[in-house]
Amino acid sequence: MSKEENYYERIIWKANKSQLFEHNCVEFCNLEEQKAKYIKEYLPKGVLPVLVFWGDYDKWTILCIDSLVSYYDQQLYIGDLAIIKADVAPCIEKKYIEPKNFTSNDLLRVISQNGQGVDKVDEIENTDNLKRFAKWLYLKNTQEFIWMPGTKEVYSLWGILLVIARKKGASH
């Protein structure tokens, strides 16, 4: 089994374990033909798409073997998994929220989207809200946001990225 096949199988295994296919996620090979053709127009050549998180034709995210691709706000965002690793953070809005502590009563600082650090504390969230309403993944290493259809998908994708990061780290 090649490395790509091994990663593919691990991603599908983890998606099944997380029950992602019961939510807004489908294996790319099972995607409706019209949607698959549409998405392929946006994907860089040579990428192997695995999971599709579908909102509509204007909002979707694809987990590929070596990259994470998200389309929203009429722009395409591509993150290399070798750079992303699992260094991501869930977000309620397109703002990076840095946890001070992980207890439900602790406050969170909002860091501006430009990633240059804390401009000001302009919003206070609580981790319970983050666990219930997250719809974005912030890729810390590339300072990009990835759209997700819901909180379940956010945390499940994060778990898959952890598995991939460990697997790729072990193979180097």
Foldseek 3Di string as FASTA:
>chain_A
DDPQVVLLVLLVVLCVVLVVVVDQKDFLVPDDPVVNVLVVVVDDPPWAWTMKRDDDSQWIWTDTSFWIWIGHPNDIDIGGLVQLQLQKDFDLDLWDWAFPDQDQPGWIATCGLVLPGRPDRPDTDGNVCSQFRTQWMQRNRVSDIHGHPGNSRRVSVSVSSNVSSVVVVVVD
